C-alpha atoms as a PDB file:
ATOM      1  CA  MET A   1       0.000   0.000   0.000  1.00  0.00           C
ATOM      2  CA  LYS A   2       2.828   2.358   0.863  1.00  0.00           C
ATOM      3  CA  ALA A   3       4.619   1.516  -2.398  1.00  0.00           C
ATOM      4  CA  PHE A   4       1.423   2.314  -4.329  1.00  0.00           C
ATOM      5  CA  HIS A   5       1.072   5.637  -2.529  1.00  0.00           C
ATOM      6  CA  ASN A   6       4.712   6.541  -3.209  1.00  0.00           C
ATOM      7  CA  ASN A   7       4.290   5.710  -6.890  1.00  0.00           C
ATOM      8  CA  GLN A   8       1.093   7.751  -7.028  1.00  0.00           C
ATOM      9  CA  THR A   9       2.902  10.694  -5.449  1.00  0.00           C
ATOM     10  CA  LEU A  10       5.800  10.402  -7.891  1.00  0.00           C
ATOM     11  CA  VAL A  11       3.458  10.316 -10.894  1.00  0.00           C
ATOM     12  CA  GLY A  12       1.493  13.307  -9.595  1.00  0.00           C
ATOM     13  CA  CYS A  13       4.523  15.465  -8.775  1.00  0.00           C
ATOM     14  CA  ALA A  14       6.261  14.635 -12.062  1.00  0.00           C
ATOM     15  CA  SER A  15       3.074  15.439 -13.994  1.00  0.00           C
ATOM     16  CA  ALA A  16       2.642  18.792 -12.223  1.00  0.00           C
ATOM     17  CA  PHE A  17       6.313  19.696 -12.746  1.00  0.00           C
ATOM     18  CA  ILE A  18       6.352  18.855 -16.473  1.00  0.00           C
ATOM     19  CA  CYS A  19       3.006  20.603 -16.941  1.00  0.00           C
ATOM     20  CA  GLU A  20       4.382  23.867 -15.541  1.00  0.00           C
ATOM     21  CA  ILE A  21       7.544  23.580 -17.649  1.00  0.00           C
ATOM     22  CA  LEU A  22       5.378  23.296 -20.774  1.00  0.00           C
ATOM     23  CA  PHE A  23       3.299  26.309 -19.740  1.00  0.00           C
ATOM     24  CA  GLY A  24       6.455  28.295 -18.954  1.00  0.00           C
ATOM     25  CA  LEU A  25       8.011  27.617 -22.362  1.00  0.00           C
ATOM     26  CA  SER A  26       4.843  28.758 -24.153  1.00  0.00           C
ATOM     27  CA  TYR A  27       5.998  32.323 -23.393  1.00  0.00           C
ATOM     28  CA  LEU A  28       8.628  32.009 -26.142  1.00  0.00           C
ATOM     29  CA  PHE A  29       6.039  31.193 -28.798  1.00  0.00           C
ATOM     30  CA  THR A  30       3.342  33.576 -27.594  1.00  0.00           C
ATOM     31  CA  LYS A  31       5.695  36.562 -27.601  1.00  0.00           C
ATOM     32  CA  GLN A  32       6.505  36.057 -31.284  1.00  0.00           C
ATOM     33  CA  ALA A  33       2.990  35.184 -32.476  1.00  0.00           C
ATOM     34  CA  ILE A  34       1.044  37.880 -30.642  1.00  0.00           C
ATOM     35  CA  ALA A  35       2.877  40.585 -32.599  1.00  0.00           C
ATOM     36  CA  SER A  36       1.053  39.580 -35.782  1.00  0.00           C
ATOM     37  CA  ALA A  37      -2.248  38.119 -34.541  1.00  0.00           C
ATOM     38  CA  SER A  38      -4.936  38.828 -31.981  1.00  0.00           C
ATOM     39  CA  GLY A  39      -5.229  36.889 -28.759  1.00  0.00           C
ATOM     40  CA  ALA A  40      -8.578  35.460 -29.894  1.00  0.00           C
ATOM     41  CA  ALA A  41      -7.064  34.164 -33.139  1.00  0.00           C
ATOM     42  CA  LEU A  42      -4.193  32.535 -31.257  1.00  0.00           C
ATOM     43  CA  LEU A  43      -6.526  30.856 -28.754  1.00  0.00           C
ATOM     44  CA  SER A  44      -8.903  29.762 -31.507  1.00  0.00           C
ATOM     45  CA  TRP A  45      -6.267  28.072 -33.646  1.00  0.00           C
ATOM     46  CA  ARG A  46      -4.506  26.665 -30.586  1.00  0.00           C
ATOM     47  CA  PHE A  47      -7.612  24.775 -29.461  1.00  0.00           C
ATOM     48  CA  LEU A  48      -8.639  23.809 -33.012  1.00  0.00           C
ATOM     49  CA  VAL A  49      -5.248  22.120 -33.474  1.00  0.00           C
ATOM     50  CA  ALA A  50      -5.592  20.383 -30.117  1.00  0.00           C
ATOM     51  CA  LEU A  51      -9.143  19.209 -30.886  1.00  0.00           C
ATOM     52  CA  ALA A  52      -8.152  17.944 -34.347  1.00  0.00           C
ATOM     53  CA  VAL A  53      -5.262  15.884 -32.942  1.00  0.00           C
ATOM     54  CA  MET A  54      -7.253  14.446 -30.048  1.00  0.00           C
ATOM     55  CA  SER A  55     -10.180  13.620 -32.356  1.00  0.00           C
ATOM     56  CA  LEU A  56      -7.781  11.822 -34.707  1.00  0.00           C
ATOM     57  CA  PHE A  57      -6.380   9.829 -31.778  1.00  0.00           C
ATOM     58  CA  LEU A  58      -9.944   8.974 -30.778  1.00  0.00           C
ATOM     59  CA  LEU A  59     -10.854   7.784 -34.275  1.00  0.00           C
ATOM     60  CA  VAL A  60      -7.828   5.482 -34.592  1.00  0.00           C
ATOM     61  CA  GLY A  61      -8.240   4.113 -31.079  1.00  0.00           C
ATOM     62  CA  ILE A  62      -5.177   5.626 -29.413  1.00  0.00           C
ATOM     63  CA  ILE A  63      -7.417   7.205 -26.769  1.00  0.00           C
ATOM     64  CA  LYS A  64     -10.845   6.074 -25.564  1.00  0.00           C
ATOM     65  CA  ILE A  65     -13.741   8.173 -24.304  1.00  0.00           C
ATOM     66  CA  ASP A  66     -16.979   6.820 -22.875  1.00  0.00           C
ATOM     67  CA  ILE A  67     -19.261   9.239 -21.038  1.00  0.00           C
ATOM     68  CA  ARG A  68     -22.503   7.347 -21.590  1.00  0.00           C
ATOM     69  CA  GLY A  69     -24.690   7.136 -18.492  1.00  0.00           C
ATOM     70  CA  LYS A  70     -22.554   9.577 -16.509  1.00  0.00           C
ATOM     71  CA  ARG A  71     -23.614  12.908 -15.018  1.00  0.00           C
ATOM     72  CA  LEU A  72     -22.064  15.430 -17.388  1.00  0.00           C
ATOM     73  CA  ARG A  73     -22.494  18.529 -15.228  1.00  0.00           C
ATOM     74  CA  PRO A  74     -19.112  18.158 -13.408  1.00  0.00           C
ATOM     75  CA  LEU A  75     -17.362  17.688 -16.741  1.00  0.00           C
ATOM     76  CA  PHE A  76     -18.901  20.828 -18.202  1.00  0.00           C
ATOM     77  CA  LEU A  77     -18.053  22.803 -15.069  1.00  0.00           C
ATOM     78  CA  ILE A  78     -14.397  21.815 -15.474  1.00  0.00           C
ATOM     79  CA  ALA A  79     -14.409  23.032 -19.093  1.00  0.00           C
ATOM     80  CA  LEU A  80     -16.294  26.200 -18.146  1.00  0.00           C
ATOM     81  CA  PHE A  81     -13.744  27.238 -15.530  1.00  0.00           C
ATOM     82  CA  GLN A  82     -10.715  26.078 -17.549  1.00  0.00           C
ATOM     83  CA  PRO A  83     -10.218  27.065 -20.318  1.00  0.00           C
ATOM     84  CA  VAL A  84     -13.305  29.212 -21.060  1.00  0.00           C
ATOM     85  CA  ILE A  85     -13.674  31.600 -18.115  1.00  0.00           C
ATOM     86  CA  TYR A  86      -9.984  31.493 -17.180  1.00  0.00           C
ATOM     87  CA  PHE A  87      -8.629  32.475 -20.598  1.00  0.00           C
ATOM     88  CA  VAL A  88     -11.321  35.079 -21.284  1.00  0.00           C
ATOM     89  CA  ALA A  89     -10.743  36.714 -17.886  1.00  0.00           C
ATOM     90  CA  GLU A  90      -6.949  36.423 -18.038  1.00  0.00           C
ATOM     91  CA  THR A  91      -6.770  37.932 -21.533  1.00  0.00           C
ATOM     92  CA  ALA A  92      -9.099  40.800 -20.615  1.00  0.00           C
ATOM     93  CA  GLY A  93      -7.296  41.395 -17.309  1.00  0.00           C
ATOM     94  CA  ILE A  94      -3.819  41.429 -18.822  1.00  0.00           C
ATOM     95  CA  SER A  95      -4.981  43.791 -21.591  1.00  0.00           C
ATOM     96  CA  ALA A  96      -6.431  46.268 -19.073  1.00  0.00           C
ATOM     97  CA  THR A  97      -3.565  46.240 -16.534  1.00  0.00           C
ATOM     98  CA  THR A  98       0.207  46.440 -16.423  1.00  0.00           C
ATOM     99  CA  ALA A  99       2.467  43.397 -16.603  1.00  0.00           C
ATOM    100  CA  SER A 100       3.468  43.742 -12.955  1.00  0.00           C
ATOM    101  CA  GLU A 101      -0.140  43.990 -11.810  1.00  0.00           C
ATOM    102  CA  SER A 102      -1.341  41.001 -13.813  1.00  0.00           C
ATOM    103  CA  GLY A 103       1.653  38.934 -12.722  1.00  0.00           C
ATOM    104  CA  SER A 104       1.006  39.782  -9.080  1.00  0.00           C
ATOM    105  CA  PHE A 105      -2.666  38.814  -9.297  1.00  0.00           C
ATOM    106  CA  LEU A 106      -2.001  35.525 -11.095  1.00  0.00           C
ATOM    107  CA  ALA A 107       0.731  34.666  -8.587  1.00  0.00           C
ATOM    108  CA  CYS A 108      -2.047  34.322  -5.993  1.00  0.00           C
ATOM    109  CA  ILE A 109      -3.533  31.246  -7.716  1.00  0.00           C
ATOM    110  CA  PRO A 110      -1.948  28.719  -5.281  1.00  0.00           C
ATOM    111  CA  ILE A 111      -3.190  30.639  -2.219  1.00  0.00           C
ATOM    112  CA  VAL A 112      -6.741  30.935  -3.555  1.00  0.00           C
ATOM    113  CA  THR A 113      -6.663  27.265  -4.557  1.00  0.00           C
ATOM    114  CA  LEU A 114      -5.807  26.307  -0.980  1.00  0.00           C
ATOM    115  CA  VAL A 115      -8.808  28.293   0.226  1.00  0.00           C
ATOM    116  CA  ALA A 116     -11.095  26.716  -2.390  1.00  0.00           C
ATOM    117  CA  SER A 117      -9.854  23.252  -1.468  1.00  0.00           C
ATOM    118  CA  SER A 118     -10.565  23.894   2.216  1.00  0.00           C
ATOM    119  CA  LEU A 119     -14.068  25.217   1.481  1.00  0.00           C
ATOM    120  CA  PHE A 120     -15.272  22.752  -1.142  1.00  0.00           C
ATOM    121  CA  LEU A 121     -13.163  19.621  -0.590  1.00  0.00           C
ATOM    122  CA  LYS A 122     -12.736  20.019   3.184  1.00  0.00           C
ATOM    123  CA  LYS A 123      -8.988  19.477   2.748  1.00  0.00           C
ATOM    124  CA  LYS A 124      -6.901  21.727   4.930  1.00  0.00           C
ATOM    125  CA  PRO A 125      -3.277  22.233   3.860  1.00  0.00           C
ATOM    126  CA  GLN A 126      -0.425  20.958   6.006  1.00  0.00           C
ATOM    127  CA  PRO A 127       1.419  23.816   7.784  1.00  0.00           C
ATOM    128  CA  MET A 128       4.632  23.260   5.793  1.00  0.00           C
ATOM    129  CA  GLN A 129       2.616  23.092   2.593  1.00  0.00           C
ATOM    130  CA  ALA A 130       1.156  26.531   3.290  1.00  0.00           C
ATOM    131  CA  VAL A 131       4.617  27.863   4.143  1.00  0.00           C
ATOM    132  CA  GLY A 132       6.057  26.489   0.909  1.00  0.00           C
ATOM    133  CA  ILE A 133       3.318  28.052  -1.192  1.00  0.00           C
ATOM    134  CA  CYS A 134       3.840  31.414   0.529  1.00  0.00           C
ATOM    135  CA  VAL A 135       7.583  31.180  -0.204  1.00  0.00           C
ATOM    136  CA  THR A 136       6.808  30.401  -3.846  1.00  0.00           C
ATOM    137  CA  LEU A 137       4.404  33.344  -3.970  1.00  0.00           C
ATOM    138  CA  SER A 138       7.121  35.678  -2.654  1.00  0.00           C
ATOM    139  CA  GLY A 139       9.481  34.349  -5.321  1.00  0.00           C
ATOM    140  CA  VAL A 140       6.984  34.968  -8.112  1.00  0.00           C
ATOM    141  CA  LEU A 141       6.347  38.494  -6.839  1.00  0.00           C
ATOM    142  CA  CYS A 142      10.110  39.152  -6.763  1.00  0.00           C
ATOM    143  CA  CYS A 143      10.383  38.082 -10.396  1.00  0.00           C
ATOM    144  CA  VAL A 144       7.328  40.083 -11.458  1.00  0.00           C
ATOM    145  CA  LEU A 145       8.282  43.258  -9.628  1.00  0.00           C
ATOM    146  CA  ALA A 146      11.968  43.116 -10.587  1.00  0.00           C
ATOM    147  CA  LYS A 147      11.236  45.304 -13.600  1.00  0.00           C
ATOM    148  CA  GLY A 148       9.314  47.860 -11.572  1.00  0.00           C
ATOM    149  CA  MET A 149       5.763  48.270 -10.341  1.00  0.00           C
ATOM    150  CA  ASP A 150       3.446  50.215 -12.620  1.00  0.00           C
ATOM    151  CA  ALA A 151      -0.197  50.826 -11.793  1.00  0.00           C
ATOM    152  CA  SER A 152      -3.097  51.011 -14.214  1.00  0.00           C
ATOM    153  CA  PHE A 153      -5.805  51.632 -11.584  1.00  0.00           C
ATOM    154  CA  SER A 154      -8.217  49.665 -13.769  1.00  0.00           C
ATOM    155  CA  PRO A 155     -11.156  48.269 -11.726  1.00  0.00           C
ATOM    156  CA  PHE A 156     -12.274  46.224 -14.739  1.00  0.00           C
ATOM    157  CA  GLY A 157      -8.792  44.756 -15.178  1.00  0.00           C
ATOM    158  CA  TYR A 158      -8.507  43.884 -11.492  1.00  0.00           C
ATOM    159  CA  LEU A 159     -11.963  42.264 -11.559  1.00  0.00           C
ATOM    160  CA  MET A 160     -11.042  40.146 -14.580  1.00  0.00           C
ATOM    161  CA  LEU A 161      -7.776  39.007 -13.014  1.00  0.00           C
ATOM    162  CA  CYS A 162      -9.600  38.062  -9.802  1.00  0.00           C
ATOM    163  CA  LEU A 163     -12.083  36.106 -11.902  1.00  0.00           C
ATOM    164  CA  ALA A 164      -9.218  34.303 -13.647  1.00  0.00           C
ATOM    165  CA  VAL A 165      -7.646  33.336 -10.315  1.00  0.00           C
ATOM    166  CA  VAL A 166     -10.949  32.087  -8.885  1.00  0.00           C
ATOM    167  CA  SER A 167     -11.862  30.164 -12.046  1.00  0.00           C
ATOM    168  CA  TYR A 168      -8.503  28.347 -12.065  1.00  0.00           C
ATOM    169  CA  SER A 169      -8.973  27.408  -8.424  1.00  0.00           C
ATOM    170  CA  LEU A 170     -12.498  26.094  -9.044  1.00  0.00           C
ATOM    171  CA  TYR A 171     -11.224  24.116 -12.042  1.00  0.00           C
ATOM    172  CA  CYS A 172      -8.785  22.339  -9.728  1.00  0.00           C
ATOM    173  CA  VAL A 173     -11.565  21.611  -7.227  1.00  0.00           C
ATOM    174  CA  PHE A 174     -13.933  20.139  -9.823  1.00  0.00           C
ATOM    175  CA  VAL A 175     -11.197  18.034 -11.408  1.00  0.00           C
ATOM    176  CA  GLU A 176     -10.527  16.407  -8.028  1.00  0.00           C
ATOM    177  CA  LYS A 177     -14.243  15.905  -7.388  1.00  0.00           C
ATOM    178  CA  SER A 178     -14.966  14.399 -10.824  1.00  0.00           C
ATOM    179  CA  VAL A 179     -13.742  10.870 -10.147  1.00  0.00           C
ATOM    180  CA  ASP A 180     -16.204   9.298 -12.618  1.00  0.00           C
ATOM    181  CA  PHE A 181     -14.267  10.610 -15.614  1.00  0.00           C
ATOM    182  CA  SER A 182     -10.833   9.664 -16.896  1.00  0.00           C
ATOM    183  CA  ASP A 183      -8.113  12.282 -17.324  1.00  0.00           C
ATOM    184  CA  ILE A 184      -8.412  11.897 -21.107  1.00  0.00           C
ATOM    185  CA  GLU A 185     -12.167  12.542 -20.972  1.00  0.00           C
ATOM    186  CA  LYS A 186     -11.651  15.695 -18.915  1.00  0.00           C
ATOM    187  CA  THR A 187      -8.920  16.919 -21.272  1.00  0.00           C
ATOM    188  CA  TYR A 188     -10.968  16.240 -24.417  1.00  0.00           C
ATOM    189  CA  VAL A 189     -13.989  18.179 -23.164  1.00  0.00           C
ATOM    190  CA  MET A 190     -11.751  21.070 -22.044  1.00  0.00           C
ATOM    191  CA  VAL A 191     -10.145  21.209 -25.500  1.00  0.00           C
ATOM    192  CA  ALA A 192     -13.507  20.965 -27.303  1.00  0.00           C
ATOM    193  CA  ALA A 193     -14.970  23.784 -25.190  1.00  0.00           C
ATOM    194  CA  GLY A 194     -11.967  25.990 -25.919  1.00  0.00           C
ATOM    195  CA  ALA A 195     -12.183  25.311 -29.652  1.00  0.00           C
ATOM    196  CA  ILE A 196     -15.899  26.114 -29.815  1.00  0.00           C
ATOM    197  CA  VAL A 197     -15.877  29.256 -27.662  1.00  0.00           C
ATOM    198  CA  PHE A 198     -12.659  30.891 -28.851  1.00  0.00           C
ATOM    199  CA  THR A 199     -13.281  30.102 -32.524  1.00  0.00           C
ATOM    200  CA  ALA A 200     -16.717  31.714 -32.254  1.00  0.00           C
ATOM    201  CA  ILE A 201     -15.134  34.806 -30.686  1.00  0.00           C
ATOM    202  CA  ALA A 202     -12.350  34.959 -33.290  1.00  0.00           C
ATOM    203  CA  ILE A 203     -14.764  34.563 -36.221  1.00  0.00           C
ATOM    204  CA  ALA A 204     -17.061  37.276 -34.841  1.00  0.00           C
ATOM    205  CA  GLN A 205     -14.117  39.656 -34.372  1.00  0.00           C
ATOM    206  CA  ASN A 206     -12.721  39.031 -37.841  1.00  0.00           C
ATOM    207  CA  ILE A 207     -16.094  39.320 -39.574  1.00  0.00           C
ATOM    208  CA  SER A 208     -16.580  42.659 -37.823  1.00  0.00           C
ATOM    209  CA  ALA A 209     -13.123  43.804 -38.919  1.00  0.00           C
ATOM    210  CA  GLY A 210     -13.455  42.395 -42.427  1.00  0.00           C
ATOM    211  CA  THR A 211     -10.408  40.131 -41.949  1.00  0.00           C
ATOM    212  CA  LEU A 212     -12.001  36.666 -41.929  1.00  0.00           C
ATOM    213  CA  VAL A 213      -9.940  35.416 -44.892  1.00  0.00           C
ATOM    214  CA  GLU A 214      -6.709  36.578 -43.238  1.00  0.00           C
ATOM    215  CA  TYR A 215      -7.700  34.784 -40.012  1.00  0.00           C
ATOM    216  CA  ILE A 216      -8.331  31.520 -41.881  1.00  0.00           C
ATOM    217  CA  LYS A 217      -5.002  31.782 -43.746  1.00  0.00           C
ATOM    218  CA  LEU A 218      -2.909  32.764 -40.688  1.00  0.00           C
ATOM    219  CA  PRO A 219      -1.260  29.353 -40.092  1.00  0.00           C
ATOM    220  CA  LEU A 220      -0.307  29.173 -43.779  1.00  0.00           C
ATOM    221  CA  THR A 221       1.087  32.691 -44.091  1.00  0.00           C
ATOM    222  CA  ASN A 222       2.817  33.232 -40.738  1.00  0.00           C
ATOM    223  CA  ARG A 223       5.468  30.747 -39.630  1.00  0.00           C
ATOM    224  CA  ASP A 224       5.765  32.199 -36.107  1.00  0.00           C
ATOM    225  CA  PHE A 225       2.008  31.883 -35.685  1.00  0.00           C
ATOM    226  CA  LEU A 226       2.059  28.291 -36.952  1.00  0.00           C
ATOM    227  CA  GLN A 227       4.844  27.355 -34.538  1.00  0.00           C
ATOM    228  CA  ALA A 228       2.952  28.982 -31.680  1.00  0.00           C
ATOM    229  CA  ILE A 229      -0.344  27.177 -32.292  1.00  0.00           C
ATOM    230  CA  LEU A 230       1.400  23.823 -32.795  1.00  0.00           C
ATOM    231  CA  TYR A 231       3.295  24.163 -29.531  1.00  0.00           C
ATOM    232  CA  GLN A 232       0.389  25.588 -27.547  1.00  0.00           C
ATOM    233  CA  GLY A 233      -2.160  23.277 -29.128  1.00  0.00           C
ATOM    234  CA  LEU A 234      -0.190  20.069 -28.621  1.00  0.00           C
ATOM    235  CA  GLY A 235       2.206  20.964 -25.805  1.00  0.00           C
ATOM    236  CA  CYS A 236      -0.150  23.030 -23.655  1.00  0.00           C
ATOM    237  CA  SER A 237      -3.770  22.274 -24.535  1.00  0.00           C
ATOM    238  CA  VAL A 238      -3.269  18.519 -24.956  1.00  0.00           C
ATOM    239  CA  VAL A 239      -0.211  17.396 -22.992  1.00  0.00           C
ATOM    240  CA  ALA A 240      -0.105  20.043 -20.241  1.00  0.00           C
ATOM    241  CA  PHE A 241      -3.875  19.981 -19.602  1.00  0.00           C
ATOM    242  CA  PHE A 242      -3.748  16.184 -19.437  1.00  0.00           C
ATOM    243  CA  LEU A 243      -0.784  16.267 -17.042  1.00  0.00           C
ATOM    244  CA  SER A 244      -2.559  18.845 -14.883  1.00  0.00           C
ATOM    245  CA  ASN A 245      -5.577  16.546 -14.609  1.00  0.00           C
ATOM    246  CA  VAL A 246      -3.297  13.581 -13.828  1.00  0.00           C
ATOM    247  CA  ALA A 247      -1.497  15.583 -11.142  1.00  0.00           C
ATOM    248  CA  ILE A 248      -4.714  16.663  -9.421  1.00  0.00           C
ATOM    249  CA  ALA A 249      -6.057  13.094  -9.529  1.00  0.00           C
ATOM    250  CA  ASN A 250      -2.856  11.691  -7.951  1.00  0.00           C
ATOM    251  CA  ILE A 251      -1.676  14.305  -5.445  1.00  0.00           C
ATOM    252  CA  GLY A 252      -4.728  16.515  -5.005  1.00  0.00           C
ATOM    253  CA  THR A 253      -5.537  20.153  -5.553  1.00  0.00           C
ATOM    254  CA  ASN A 254      -3.296  21.630  -2.866  1.00  0.00           C
ATOM    255  CA  ARG A 255      -0.070  19.927  -3.891  1.00  0.00           C
ATOM    256  CA  THR A 256      -0.689  20.513  -7.596  1.00  0.00           C
ATOM    257  CA  ALA A 257      -1.227  24.222  -6.942  1.00  0.00           C
ATOM    258  CA  SER A 258       2.148  24.425  -5.197  1.00  0.00           C
ATOM    259  CA  PHE A 259       3.876  23.836  -8.567  1.00  0.00           C
ATOM    260  CA  VAL A 260       2.226  26.786 -10.358  1.00  0.00           C
ATOM    261  CA  GLY A 261       5.151  29.150  -9.748  1.00  0.00           C
ATOM    262  CA  ILE A 262       7.495  26.866 -11.714  1.00  0.00           C
ATOM    263  CA  SER A 263       6.058  28.213 -14.983  1.00  0.00           C
ATOM    264  CA  THR A 264       7.173  31.729 -14.003  1.00  0.00           C
ATOM    265  CA  ALA A 265      10.711  30.558 -13.292  1.00  0.00           C
ATOM    266  CA  VAL A 266      10.841  28.613 -16.571  1.00  0.00           C
ATOM    267  CA  SER A 267       9.560  31.564 -18.628  1.00  0.00           C
ATOM    268  CA  ILE A 268      12.203  33.843 -17.103  1.00  0.00           C
ATOM    269  CA  LEU A 269      15.038  31.359 -17.653  1.00  0.00           C
ATOM    270  CA  ALA A 270      13.855  30.673 -21.210  1.00  0.00           C
ATOM    271  CA  GLY A 271      13.870  34.410 -21.913  1.00  0.00           C
ATOM    272  CA  VAL A 272      17.402  34.707 -20.545  1.00  0.00           C
ATOM    273  CA  PHE A 273      18.981  31.713 -22.292  1.00  0.00           C
ATOM    274  CA  ILE A 274      17.020  31.695 -25.556  1.00  0.00           C
ATOM    275  CA  LEU A 275      15.956  35.324 -26.136  1.00  0.00           C
ATOM    276  CA  ASN A 276      19.004  36.884 -24.396  1.00  0.00           C
ATOM    277  CA  GLU A 277      16.859  38.916 -22.010  1.00  0.00           C
ATOM    278  CA  SER A 278      18.384  40.452 -18.902  1.00  0.00           C
ATOM    279  CA  PHE A 279      18.495  38.538 -15.615  1.00  0.00           C
ATOM    280  CA  SER A 280      18.714  40.702 -12.510  1.00  0.00           C
ATOM    281  CA  PRO A 281      19.835  39.601  -9.026  1.00  0.00           C
ATOM    282  CA  VAL A 282      16.250  40.113  -7.819  1.00  0.00           C
ATOM    283  CA  GLN A 283      14.968  37.733 -10.496  1.00  0.00           C
ATOM    284  CA  ALA A 284      17.660  35.227  -9.514  1.00  0.00           C
ATOM    285  CA  ALA A 285      16.562  35.436  -5.878  1.00  0.00           C
ATOM    286  CA  GLY A 286      12.920  35.080  -6.925  1.00  0.00           C
ATOM    287  CA  THR A 287      13.689  31.980  -8.981  1.00  0.00           C
ATOM    288  CA  ILE A 288      15.489  30.392  -6.022  1.00  0.00           C
ATOM    289  CA  LEU A 289      12.529  31.189  -3.758  1.00  0.00           C
ATOM    290  CA  ILE A 290      10.103  29.618  -6.245  1.00  0.00           C
ATOM    291  CA  ILE A 291      12.062  26.368  -6.410  1.00  0.00           C
ATOM    292  CA  GLY A 292      12.634  26.349  -2.651  1.00  0.00           C
ATOM    293  CA  GLY A 293       8.941  26.975  -1.994  1.00  0.00           C
ATOM    294  CA  VAL A 294       7.872  24.077  -4.216  1.00  0.00           C
ATOM    295  CA  TYR A 295      10.336  21.822  -2.393  1.00  0.00           C
ATOM    296  CA  LEU A 296       9.073  22.899   1.036  1.00  0.00           C
ATOM    297  CA  ALA A 297       5.447  22.390   0.007  1.00  0.00           C
ATOM    298  CA  ASN A 298       6.091  18.809  -1.046  1.00  0.00           C
ATOM    299  CA  ALA A 299       9.113  17.444   0.810  1.00  0.00           C
ATOM    300  CA  ALA A 300       7.337  17.295   4.174  1.00  0.00           C
ATOM    301  CA  LEU A 301       4.510  15.267   2.659  1.00  0.00           C
ATOM    302  CA  LYS A 302       6.610  12.373   1.327  1.00  0.00           C
ATOM    303  CA  GLY A 303       5.255   9.074   2.385  1.00  0.00           C
ATOM    304  CA  ARG A 304       1.878  10.424   3.464  1.00  0.00           C
END
């Protein structure tokens, strides 16, 4: 029994860690693609690619989905909170606020997730787990604020960022509660919801702007955009979403949330080593705090 638990913990922690690495590296592709395409177009094509690949896997039998006779409400709630509400709110919040403000708000995801877990799952965090997450939060804030703190004073932006944080936390809660569905089933519905919602938004925007043909041809005419949607569609929307669901199923909401800061550290390091961006001592200290916080949040729970 102990060996099974240890294996379950290893699978969950590895899944959460790899998931955050994939999300962190997406920064490289997004930065290049967003210069020539709208956020809605990027999200639309990202989820269309993911849905096409997963549907192909389903047709040839690589993955299996069977939701017959099951209550679908939990599954739709998962997809509603992540990706639909989360990405809409995050995009709107980031657009209306400064980078430092949005980064600071989103850094609170692990803390809010702990609260949501306590309220809805009745799972209180271990003291060292809470300490580790607070250390990680301080590290993320160091990295975010290293380039200075600007203020937009945008109530709408702050509201959207709060909504994004809450929706991510509720996604984690409903994934853990939805034990009747496999991780593949959860991932497929999340991807399908993203494809439907964001494609509808992108088409409406481009029809209004008279650029529908350009939107349809984007992957064929823009190599940076194509690379971005392939990486985000396959690496993030398929693999990372699946790994996130696996992590929550194996180690729970609280421990999975403790890994969220890793994506910030990875995005900073990727910018430094691949894009030759600057790396200040404050960012270095923040990165160390992030890694140390993740270790503290999980090391004390080994064997439990």
